[in-house]
Amino acid sequence: MKVAVLGAGNGGCAVAFDWAAAGHEVALYSPSGVAGAIDDIVERGGLSSTGDLEGEVEIGYAGHDAQRALDGAALVFVVGPAYSTEPLARDAKVHLVAGQIVVVCPSSGGGAMAFQNVIGADSGVIVAETSTLPYAVRVLAPATIHVYLKLKGGVWVAAIDADQTDAVQQILHEVYPGIEPAKSVWQTTLQNANPVIHPTISLLNAARIDGPGDFNFYEDGVTPGVGRLIKGVDEERMALAVAMNVPVLSDPELSMLQGYFTVETYDTGYSTAPGFQGIKAQPQLDYRYFTEDVGYGLVFLSDLARHLGVPTPLIDSMITIVSTVMDRDYRSEAKRTVAGLGLSKDGVAGA
C-alpha cells in the first residue's frame, strides 16, 4: 500500500519511518520553504531511527511535489501543528481523489473538520483524525529521529463520518495495534491534552526558557505547584467532554495507558515519566507550545466552552496571561473557533 505523509517535522518523520518499516511504500511531502528534515532525507534516500523504534528505512519519495506524493496513495497522513493543517489541505486539495483516506494526526482542535472545510465535504475523501500523535519523537540529527516512546495504547481515531471510523481503525491497526475507534471527532479532539500540558509548563518556566537555561521540559519543569495548575486546566477540559457527552480520560490516566507514566499523578507522573525523560525544553518562548497550544488549542476550548455554557476560568486566564507575555492577542486572532469550523451553537450542542 502506498502511504503519503504530508509534513516532514518530528511527527511526520516518525509516521513515515514506522509505515516504511512495516513494508509500505511511503512518500513524504513538505511544502517548499518550510524548515524541516526533508532535504537531508532526500540526500540520504531514507530515514534512520533510534530509541523505541530502531533501524533504517528507504523512503520512496521525499520532496516538495504534492501531486507526486499523493498519486496512488490509499492512506494519507497530515502530520504537523494545528497551524499547518489548512495550508497542507490547500496543497493537497486538487490532488486528492474520492476514496482516499486522510488522517489528521493529531486532531489539535478539530483538525479533521478544519481539513475537510478546505477540501470540501463533497470531495469523496474519508477524513479522520487521531486523538494524539502516537510517538514522543524529535529529529536529533540529519535524516535521523529519536523515538522516546511509541505509544502502547491510549490512542483513538474517528472519522468525520462516524460510519467510516471502524474501517479507518482497522487499516491503522497494522502499525498502531493499540488504536481504538472513538465515538466521534469530538472525543478525539477533546482527548488531546497538549493544550493542557504544554502551555502550563511553559508559562510557569518562562524565565528559564526566556533566559540562558537548558533543562529537561518534564523532568525539571514539573513541580507540585506546576502539577496543580495542569490538574485545574485538565479538569476544565474534561468538563467540556461531560457537557458534550463524550468519554475523555484525565491526562495522568491516559498517560498510564500510553506508557508515558509509571505514577498516575499530575506532578511526579510527568517529572518521572520514562516516556518523557531527556526531552529538552524549547529554546525560546515563541514556539508551538504557545503558538499552537494556546493560539489554536486553548482558544478553541474557551470558545467551545462559551457555546456550551461551561465555565473555564483557568483556560481563559492562561490565554490572557500568555497573550501578555508574548505581546499578542491570541483570542482576537481567533485561529481556531467554533464558527471558524463552520459550526453553530446548535451544531455543537447537538454533537
Protein backbone atom coordinates (compact mmCIF):
# COMPACT_ATOMS: atom_id res chain seq x y z
CA MET A 1 0.00 0.00 0.00
CA LYS A 2 1.22 3.49 -0.77
CA VAL A 3 1.15 5.82 2.20
CA ALA A 4 1.62 9.56 1.81
CA VAL A 5 2.75 11.68 4.75
CA LEU A 6 2.18 15.43 4.50
CA GLY A 7 4.53 17.22 6.87
CA ALA A 8 8.18 16.37 7.48
CA GLY A 9 8.69 17.56 11.04
CA ASN A 10 9.26 15.34 14.07
CA GLY A 11 5.90 13.56 13.86
CA GLY A 12 5.80 13.26 10.09
CA CYS A 13 9.22 11.63 10.03
CA ALA A 14 8.15 9.16 12.73
CA VAL A 15 4.98 8.23 10.82
CA ALA A 16 6.96 7.83 7.60
CA PHE A 17 9.60 5.67 9.29
CA ASP A 18 7.07 3.41 11.01
CA TRP A 19 4.95 2.73 7.94
CA ALA A 20 8.02 2.17 5.76
CA ALA A 21 9.40 -0.24 8.37
CA ALA A 22 6.09 -2.12 8.12
CA GLY A 23 6.79 -2.70 4.43
CA HIS A 24 4.71 0.04 2.81
CA GLU A 25 5.73 2.41 0.04
CA VAL A 26 5.99 5.82 1.68
CA ALA A 27 6.01 9.28 0.14
CA LEU A 28 6.96 12.21 2.38
CA TYR A 29 5.92 15.74 1.39
CA SER A 30 7.00 19.09 2.76
CA PRO A 31 5.90 22.47 1.39
CA SER A 32 8.65 24.49 -0.28
CA GLY A 33 10.30 26.91 2.10
CA VAL A 34 9.19 25.10 5.25
CA ALA A 35 12.05 24.20 7.56
CA GLY A 36 12.31 20.50 8.21
CA ALA A 37 14.24 17.34 7.62
CA ILE A 38 13.20 16.82 4.01
CA ASP A 39 16.47 17.87 2.32
CA ASP A 40 18.51 15.53 4.50
CA ILE A 41 16.10 12.68 3.75
CA VAL A 42 16.35 13.37 0.01
CA GLU A 43 20.13 13.32 0.22
CA ARG A 44 20.21 10.06 2.16
CA GLY A 45 17.24 8.44 0.43
CA GLY A 46 15.74 7.36 3.70
CA LEU A 47 15.44 7.73 7.45
CA SER A 48 17.10 6.19 10.47
CA SER A 49 15.69 5.96 13.97
CA THR A 50 16.98 5.30 17.46
CA GLY A 51 15.12 4.68 20.70
CA ASP A 52 11.77 2.91 20.80
CA LEU A 53 11.96 2.45 17.01
CA GLU A 54 15.35 1.42 15.64
CA GLY A 55 16.79 0.88 12.20
CA GLU A 56 16.94 2.42 8.74
CA VAL A 57 14.27 2.58 6.03
CA GLU A 58 14.04 3.77 2.46
CA ILE A 59 11.55 6.49 1.64
CA GLY A 60 10.15 6.01 -1.84
CA TYR A 61 9.69 9.72 -2.46
CA ALA A 62 10.65 12.74 -0.39
CA GLY A 63 10.21 16.25 -1.67
CA HIS A 64 8.01 19.25 -2.36
CA ASP A 65 5.73 17.85 -5.09
CA ALA A 66 2.31 17.21 -3.52
CA GLN A 67 0.93 15.59 -6.66
CA ARG A 68 3.74 13.06 -6.79
CA ALA A 69 3.41 12.31 -3.09
CA LEU A 70 -0.37 11.79 -3.24
CA ASP A 71 -0.66 9.99 -6.57
CA GLY A 72 -1.82 6.42 -5.88
CA ALA A 73 -1.78 6.78 -2.10
CA ALA A 74 -4.56 4.84 -0.39
CA LEU A 75 -3.75 6.35 3.02
CA VAL A 76 -2.68 9.94 3.67
CA PHE A 77 -1.41 11.28 6.99
CA VAL A 78 -1.46 15.01 7.72
CA VAL A 79 1.10 15.45 10.48
CA GLY A 80 2.03 18.76 11.99
CA PRO A 81 0.97 21.55 14.34
CA ALA A 82 -2.56 22.92 14.06
CA TYR A 83 -1.33 25.90 12.06
CA SER A 84 -0.16 23.55 9.29
CA THR A 85 -3.48 21.74 8.80
CA GLU A 86 -5.22 24.21 6.49
CA PRO A 87 -2.08 25.01 4.42
CA LEU A 88 -1.43 21.29 3.88
CA ALA A 89 -5.09 20.82 2.95
CA ARG A 90 -4.78 23.57 0.33
CA ASP A 91 -1.64 21.91 -1.07
CA ALA A 92 -3.43 18.55 -1.25
CA LYS A 93 -6.89 19.63 -2.39
CA VAL A 94 -6.51 19.39 -6.16
CA HIS A 95 -4.59 16.10 -5.96
CA LEU A 96 -6.88 14.12 -3.65
CA VAL A 97 -9.35 11.67 -5.19
CA ALA A 98 -12.53 10.08 -3.90
CA GLY A 99 -11.93 7.01 -1.75
CA GLN A 100 -8.62 8.12 -0.29
CA ILE A 101 -8.37 8.11 3.49
CA VAL A 102 -6.87 11.19 5.12
CA VAL A 103 -5.90 11.02 8.80
CA VAL A 104 -5.07 14.28 10.58
CA CYS A 105 -2.55 13.21 13.20
CA PRO A 106 -3.17 14.53 15.78
CA SER A 107 -6.51 16.34 15.94
CA SER A 108 -5.23 19.60 17.53
CA GLY A 109 -8.62 21.26 17.97
CA GLY A 110 -10.97 19.91 15.35
CA GLY A 111 -8.22 19.16 12.84
CA ALA A 112 -10.28 16.81 10.69
CA MET A 113 -13.08 19.36 10.45
CA ALA A 114 -10.57 22.09 9.52
CA PHE A 115 -9.07 19.88 6.81
CA GLN A 116 -12.45 18.95 5.35
CA ASN A 117 -13.55 22.58 5.31
CA VAL A 118 -10.70 23.30 2.90
CA ILE A 119 -11.14 20.32 0.55
CA GLY A 120 -14.94 20.35 0.67
CA ALA A 121 -17.44 17.93 2.17
CA ASP A 122 -18.35 16.62 -1.29
CA SER A 123 -14.80 15.51 -2.22
CA GLY A 124 -15.48 11.82 -1.58
CA VAL A 125 -12.37 11.69 0.61
CA ILE A 126 -12.72 9.99 4.00
CA VAL A 127 -11.32 12.44 6.57
CA ALA A 128 -10.43 11.23 10.05
CA GLU A 129 -8.22 12.24 12.97
CA THR A 130 -6.29 10.68 15.83
CA SER A 131 -6.51 11.92 19.39
CA THR A 132 -2.74 12.25 19.65
CA LEU A 133 0.49 11.66 17.82
CA PRO A 134 1.43 8.03 18.55
CA TYR A 135 5.04 8.96 19.36
CA ALA A 136 7.18 11.14 21.56
CA VAL A 137 9.83 11.96 18.97
CA ARG A 138 12.42 14.51 17.93
CA VAL A 139 14.63 14.92 14.87
CA LEU A 140 18.06 14.94 16.53
CA ALA A 141 20.41 14.61 13.54
CA PRO A 142 20.18 14.81 9.74
CA ALA A 143 17.61 12.26 8.50
CA THR A 144 17.63 10.72 11.98
CA ILE A 145 14.87 10.67 14.57
CA HIS A 146 14.92 9.56 18.18
CA VAL A 147 11.67 8.00 19.36
CA TYR A 148 11.45 8.40 23.13
CA LEU A 149 8.23 6.36 23.14
CA LYS A 150 5.87 4.75 20.67
CA LEU A 151 2.56 4.75 22.50
CA LYS A 152 1.35 1.36 23.70
CA GLY A 153 -2.31 2.39 23.90
CA GLY A 154 -4.43 5.41 24.68
CA VAL A 155 -4.82 6.44 21.04
CA TRP A 156 -8.25 6.89 19.44
CA VAL A 157 -9.30 7.54 15.86
CA ALA A 158 -12.56 8.92 14.48
CA ALA A 159 -13.77 9.78 11.01
CA ILE A 160 -16.00 12.79 10.45
CA ASP A 161 -18.47 10.31 9.00
CA ALA A 162 -18.69 8.09 12.07
CA ASP A 163 -19.82 5.17 9.90
CA GLN A 164 -16.29 5.10 8.44
CA THR A 165 -14.45 5.05 11.77
CA ASP A 166 -14.21 1.27 12.14
CA ALA A 167 -12.82 0.88 8.62
CA VAL A 168 -10.15 3.52 9.25
CA GLN A 169 -9.26 1.97 12.61
CA GLN A 170 -8.78 -1.43 11.01
CA ILE A 171 -6.30 -0.02 8.49
CA LEU A 172 -4.31 1.87 11.13
CA HIS A 173 -4.30 -1.14 13.47
CA GLU A 174 -1.48 -2.78 11.49
CA VAL A 175 1.06 -0.19 12.65
CA TYR A 176 -0.81 1.07 15.73
CA PRO A 177 -2.17 -2.10 17.35
CA GLY A 178 -3.41 -0.22 20.41
CA ILE A 179 -5.54 2.27 18.48
CA GLU A 180 -9.26 2.29 19.27
CA PRO A 181 -12.33 3.67 17.49
CA ALA A 182 -13.72 6.82 19.09
CA LYS A 183 -17.35 7.83 19.45
CA SER A 184 -16.84 10.92 17.28
CA VAL A 185 -14.31 13.55 16.29
CA TRP A 186 -15.36 15.44 19.42
CA GLN A 187 -13.90 12.64 21.52
CA THR A 188 -10.59 12.67 19.63
CA THR A 189 -10.46 16.47 19.76
CA LEU A 190 -11.17 16.73 23.49
CA GLN A 191 -8.93 13.80 24.41
CA ASN A 192 -5.89 15.68 23.09
CA ALA A 193 -4.30 17.18 26.19
CA ASN A 194 -1.44 19.08 24.56
CA PRO A 195 -3.19 22.43 25.18
CA VAL A 196 -3.43 21.46 28.84
CA ILE A 197 0.17 20.40 29.36
CA HIS A 198 2.49 22.38 27.10
CA PRO A 199 1.32 25.96 27.80
CA THR A 200 1.11 25.39 31.54
CA ILE A 201 4.63 24.02 31.92
CA SER A 202 5.99 26.65 29.53
CA LEU A 203 4.31 29.56 31.31
CA LEU A 204 5.45 28.50 34.77
CA ASN A 205 9.01 28.03 33.47
CA ALA A 206 9.02 31.16 31.30
CA ALA A 207 12.04 32.76 32.96
CA ARG A 208 14.13 29.62 32.38
CA ILE A 209 13.06 29.34 28.75
CA ASP A 210 13.46 33.05 28.08
CA GLY A 211 16.88 33.08 29.73
CA PRO A 212 20.04 31.05 29.25
CA GLY A 213 18.67 27.92 30.91
CA ASP A 214 18.98 24.47 29.40
CA PHE A 215 16.69 22.00 31.13
CA ASN A 216 14.52 18.95 30.58
CA PHE A 217 10.96 20.08 29.99
CA TYR A 218 9.16 17.47 32.08
CA GLU A 219 11.79 16.16 34.49
CA ASP A 220 12.89 19.63 35.62
CA GLY A 221 9.87 21.71 34.64
CA VAL A 222 7.06 19.98 36.56
CA THR A 223 6.92 20.56 40.32
CA PRO A 224 3.94 20.04 42.64
CA GLY A 225 2.80 23.62 42.01
CA VAL A 226 3.02 23.22 38.25
CA GLY A 227 1.14 19.94 38.58
CA ARG A 228 -1.72 21.62 40.45
CA LEU A 229 -2.24 24.08 37.60
CA ILE A 230 -2.10 21.30 35.00
CA LYS A 231 -4.75 19.46 37.03
CA GLY A 232 -7.02 22.52 37.16
CA VAL A 233 -6.80 23.14 33.42
CA ASP A 234 -7.31 19.44 32.71
CA GLU A 235 -10.45 19.35 34.83
CA GLU A 236 -11.91 22.16 32.72
CA ARG A 237 -11.14 20.19 29.54
CA MET A 238 -12.91 17.15 30.98
CA ALA A 239 -15.91 19.29 31.98
CA LEU A 240 -16.29 20.19 28.30
CA ALA A 241 -16.29 16.49 27.43
CA VAL A 242 -19.00 15.83 30.00
CA ALA A 243 -21.10 18.64 28.54
CA MET A 244 -20.74 17.07 25.09
CA ASN A 245 -21.38 13.54 26.37
CA VAL A 246 -18.14 12.10 25.05
CA PRO A 247 -15.82 9.85 27.10
CA VAL A 248 -12.49 11.51 27.91
CA LEU A 249 -9.77 10.40 30.33
CA SER A 250 -7.72 12.61 32.61
CA ASP A 251 -4.22 13.10 31.28
CA PRO A 252 -2.49 11.04 34.01
CA GLU A 253 -4.89 8.14 33.41
CA LEU A 254 -4.31 8.43 29.67
CA SER A 255 -0.53 8.65 30.10
CA MET A 256 -0.52 5.41 32.07
CA LEU A 257 -2.27 3.66 29.17
CA GLN A 258 0.12 5.16 26.66
CA GLY A 259 3.23 4.08 28.55
CA TYR A 260 4.48 7.57 29.38
CA PHE A 261 3.80 7.40 33.13
CA THR A 262 4.54 4.92 35.89
CA VAL A 263 2.73 7.04 38.53
CA GLU A 264 -0.78 8.39 37.92
CA THR A 265 -0.32 11.91 39.28
CA TYR A 266 -0.17 15.42 37.88
CA ASP A 267 3.33 16.17 39.21
CA THR A 268 5.67 13.21 39.63
CA GLY A 269 3.74 11.48 36.87
CA TYR A 270 5.36 13.92 34.44
CA SER A 271 8.69 14.51 36.14
CA THR A 272 9.47 10.80 36.49
CA ALA A 273 7.81 9.61 33.26
CA PRO A 274 10.08 7.21 31.35
CA GLY A 275 8.45 8.31 28.10
CA PHE A 276 9.44 11.94 28.71
CA GLN A 277 12.98 11.50 30.00
CA GLY A 278 15.55 13.53 28.12
CA ILE A 279 13.10 15.75 26.22
CA LYS A 280 14.63 19.22 26.30
CA ALA A 281 12.66 22.39 26.84
CA GLN A 282 12.08 24.58 23.80
CA PRO A 283 14.84 27.12 23.05
CA GLN A 284 12.54 30.17 23.18
CA LEU A 285 9.02 31.15 24.23
CA ASP A 286 7.99 31.80 20.63
CA TYR A 287 7.35 28.13 19.99
CA ARG A 288 4.45 25.87 19.12
CA TYR A 289 3.69 25.23 22.81
CA PHE A 290 2.22 28.75 22.81
CA THR A 291 1.62 29.40 19.10
CA GLU A 292 -0.30 26.16 18.59
CA ASP A 293 -1.45 25.03 22.01
CA VAL A 294 -2.70 28.45 23.12
CA GLY A 295 -3.44 30.15 19.80
CA TYR A 296 -5.36 27.17 18.47
CA GLY A 297 -5.89 24.74 21.37
CA LEU A 298 -6.87 26.81 24.39
CA VAL A 299 -8.64 29.45 22.28
CA PHE A 300 -10.75 26.71 20.71
CA LEU A 301 -11.55 25.12 24.08
CA SER A 302 -12.51 28.51 25.53
CA ASP A 303 -14.75 29.29 22.57
CA LEU A 304 -16.36 25.85 22.74
CA ALA A 305 -16.96 26.38 26.47
CA ARG A 306 -18.69 29.68 25.75
CA HIS A 307 -21.06 27.96 23.33
CA LEU A 308 -21.78 25.21 25.85
CA GLY A 309 -22.12 27.47 28.87
CA VAL A 310 -19.25 25.71 30.70
CA PRO A 311 -17.04 27.95 32.90
CA THR A 312 -13.32 27.75 32.12
CA PRO A 313 -11.66 30.42 34.30
CA LEU A 314 -8.21 28.83 34.24
CA ILE A 315 -8.17 28.29 30.48
CA ASP A 316 -9.36 31.87 29.98
CA SER A 317 -6.68 33.17 32.35
CA MET A 318 -3.98 31.17 30.58
CA ILE A 319 -4.93 32.75 27.25
CA THR A 320 -4.83 36.24 28.79
CA ILE A 321 -1.51 35.79 30.60
CA VAL A 322 0.28 34.09 27.71
CA SER A 323 -1.01 36.80 25.36
CA THR A 324 0.55 39.40 27.67
CA VAL A 325 3.83 37.50 27.91
CA MET A 326 4.03 37.12 24.13
CA ASP A 327 2.66 40.60 23.33
CA ARG A 328 -0.05 39.27 21.01
CA ASP A 329 -3.77 38.73 21.44
CA TYR A 330 -4.38 35.04 20.78
CA ARG A 331 -8.09 35.34 21.48
CA SER A 332 -8.62 38.13 18.95
CA GLU A 333 -6.58 36.25 16.36
CA ALA A 334 -9.27 33.52 16.58
CA LYS A 335 -7.19 30.98 14.69
CA ARG A 336 -9.46 28.04 15.59
CA THR A 337 -13.03 28.68 16.73
CA VAL A 338 -16.44 27.04 16.55
CA ALA A 339 -17.58 29.48 13.87
CA GLY A 340 -14.29 29.07 12.02
CA LEU A 341 -15.03 25.36 11.67
CA GLY A 342 -18.41 26.20 10.17
CA LEU A 343 -20.33 25.11 13.27
CA SER A 344 -23.18 26.83 15.05
CA LYS A 345 -24.11 26.81 18.73
CA ASP A 346 -26.91 24.36 17.96
CA GLY A 347 -24.50 22.19 15.97
CA VAL A 348 -22.09 21.97 18.91
CA ALA A 349 -24.83 21.29 21.43
CA GLY A 350 -26.23 18.52 19.24
CA ALA A 351 -22.89 16.84 18.56
